[in-house]
Amino acid sequence: MRDAIYQDGVDLLGYTTWGCIDPVSAGTGEMNKRYGFIYVDRDNVGNGVLKRSKKKSFYWYKDVIDSNGASIE
């Protein structure tokens, strides 16, 4: 993002993430994709108790928000 702004002159107004928790596939119920900030204790066959745990990326994004983006390097 920083390169797009400073090198390419992109007029970036904001940034949002795909989702905050690991998604469950609506079609298959699979949990293969783990790109949320919060891990969900569930596997593709339904094992797990659905406990949610904050990932390192949760704290990274929190810092980005708290610093209004100044912490991004």
Protein backbone atom coordinates (compact mmCIF):
# COMPACT_ATOMS: atom_id res chain seq x y z
CA MET A 1 0.00 0.00 0.00
CA ARG A 2 2.75 2.39 0.97
CA ASP A 3 4.50 1.87 -2.38
CA ALA A 4 1.24 2.39 -4.25
CA ILE A 5 0.73 5.70 -2.45
CA TYR A 6 4.25 7.10 -2.58
CA GLN A 7 5.70 5.54 -5.72
CA ASP A 8 2.65 5.28 -7.95
CA GLY A 9 0.67 8.24 -6.64
CA VAL A 10 -2.43 6.23 -5.75
CA ASP A 11 -4.98 8.38 -3.90
CA LEU A 12 -5.79 5.82 -1.19
CA LEU A 13 -8.70 6.82 1.00
CA GLY A 14 -8.91 3.72 3.17
CA TYR A 15 -8.15 0.06 3.57
CA THR A 16 -10.25 -2.81 4.80
CA THR A 17 -9.51 -6.46 5.37
CA TRP A 18 -11.35 -9.45 3.95
CA GLY A 19 -12.67 -10.64 7.29
CA CYS A 20 -11.76 -10.68 10.94
CA ILE A 21 -12.32 -14.38 11.70
CA ASP A 22 -11.35 -17.53 9.82
CA PRO A 23 -14.24 -18.13 7.42
CA VAL A 24 -16.35 -21.25 7.03
CA SER A 25 -17.10 -22.05 3.40
CA ALA A 26 -20.80 -21.48 2.77
CA GLY A 27 -20.89 -24.19 0.12
CA THR A 28 -18.85 -26.97 1.72
CA GLY A 29 -18.42 -26.05 5.38
CA GLU A 30 -14.64 -26.35 4.99
CA MET A 31 -12.18 -24.37 7.09
CA ASN A 32 -9.16 -24.57 4.76
CA LYS A 33 -8.73 -20.82 4.40
CA ARG A 34 -7.24 -19.25 7.51
CA TYR A 35 -6.88 -15.57 6.71
CA GLY A 36 -8.76 -13.98 9.57
CA PHE A 37 -7.24 -12.17 12.53
CA ILE A 38 -9.01 -14.59 14.84
CA TYR A 39 -8.41 -18.34 14.66
CA VAL A 40 -11.48 -20.58 14.94
CA ASP A 41 -10.93 -24.03 16.47
CA ARG A 42 -12.68 -26.10 13.82
CA ASP A 43 -11.45 -28.41 11.06
CA ASN A 44 -12.94 -29.54 7.76
CA VAL A 45 -14.77 -32.52 9.26
CA GLY A 46 -16.33 -30.56 12.11
CA ASN A 47 -13.88 -31.36 14.91
CA GLY A 48 -13.21 -28.59 17.38
CA VAL A 49 -15.16 -26.54 19.87
CA LEU A 50 -15.31 -23.28 17.85
CA LYS A 51 -13.06 -21.53 20.40
CA ARG A 52 -11.71 -18.29 19.01
CA SER A 53 -8.13 -17.11 19.60
CA LYS A 54 -6.45 -13.88 18.53
CA LYS A 55 -3.59 -14.39 16.04
CA LYS A 56 -0.44 -12.24 15.82
CA SER A 57 -2.07 -10.47 12.89
CA PHE A 58 -4.86 -9.31 15.22
CA TYR A 59 -2.38 -7.26 17.24
CA TRP A 60 -0.64 -6.02 14.09
CA TYR A 61 -3.91 -4.69 12.67
CA LYS A 62 -4.90 -3.22 16.03
CA ASP A 63 -1.61 -1.30 16.01
CA VAL A 64 -2.27 -0.09 12.46
CA ILE A 65 -5.68 1.22 13.52
CA ASP A 66 -4.40 2.76 16.77
CA SER A 67 -1.59 4.58 14.94
CA ASN A 68 -3.80 5.61 12.01
CA GLY A 69 -1.45 3.71 9.72
CA ALA A 70 1.76 5.36 10.92
CA SER A 71 3.10 2.02 12.19
CA ILE A 72 3.12 0.46 8.70
CA GLU A 73 6.64 0.09 7.33
